[in-house]
Protein backbone atom coordinates (compact mmCIF):
# COMPACT_ATOMS: atom_id res chain seq x y z
CA UNK A 1 34.71 -20.31 6.22
CA UNK A 2 35.03 -18.67 9.62
CA UNK A 3 35.74 -15.31 8.02
CA UNK A 4 33.62 -12.64 9.79
CA UNK A 5 32.98 -10.61 6.61
CA UNK A 6 31.43 -13.61 4.81
CA UNK A 7 29.07 -14.68 7.58
CA UNK A 8 25.97 -12.60 8.24
CA UNK A 9 24.39 -12.69 11.65
CA UNK A 10 20.70 -13.30 12.03
CA UNK A 11 20.24 -9.65 13.04
CA UNK A 12 22.00 -8.39 9.89
CA UNK A 13 19.81 -10.57 7.66
CA UNK A 14 16.73 -9.34 9.51
CA UNK A 15 17.73 -5.70 9.06
CA UNK A 16 18.26 -6.19 5.32
CA UNK A 17 14.88 -7.89 5.01
CA UNK A 18 13.11 -5.10 6.91
CA UNK A 19 14.86 -2.44 4.82
CA UNK A 20 13.66 -4.07 1.60
CA UNK A 21 10.14 -4.35 3.00
CA UNK A 22 10.10 -0.63 3.90
CA UNK A 23 11.28 0.28 0.39
CA UNK A 24 8.35 -1.68 -1.10
CA UNK A 25 5.77 0.26 0.91
CA UNK A 26 4.09 2.76 -1.43
CA UNK A 27 4.80 6.39 -0.68
CA UNK A 28 1.65 8.39 0.02
CA UNK A 29 1.55 11.76 -1.60
CA UNK A 30 0.00 13.77 -4.37
CA UNK A 31 -0.59 10.72 -6.55
CA UNK A 32 -2.71 9.12 -3.83
CA UNK A 33 -4.67 12.38 -3.47
CA UNK A 34 -5.30 12.36 -7.23
CA UNK A 35 -6.60 8.78 -7.12
CA UNK A 36 -9.07 9.60 -4.34
CA UNK A 37 -10.17 12.79 -6.07
CA UNK A 38 -10.78 10.99 -9.37
CA UNK A 39 -12.76 8.25 -7.63
CA UNK A 40 -14.98 10.77 -5.86
CA UNK A 41 -15.62 12.77 -9.03
CA UNK A 42 -16.43 9.59 -10.95
CA UNK A 43 -18.93 8.57 -8.27
CA UNK A 44 -20.55 12.02 -8.31
CA UNK A 45 -20.90 12.02 -12.10
CA UNK A 46 -22.51 8.58 -12.09
CA UNK A 47 -24.94 9.62 -9.35
CA UNK A 48 -26.02 12.77 -11.23
CA UNK A 49 -26.74 10.83 -14.44
CA UNK A 50 -28.96 8.34 -12.60
CA UNK A 51 -31.25 11.07 -11.27
């Protein structure tokens, strides 16, 4: 049970947890740009119909 390879230190567990958290963070890129663009165009179309 005292085998070094089996026991993880608190720091190692923390690093693994942080790595997983960073992987979950969405990557901002072209898809995000497309979402914003679509939302703006949708808002503009709705505004033009009202007037």
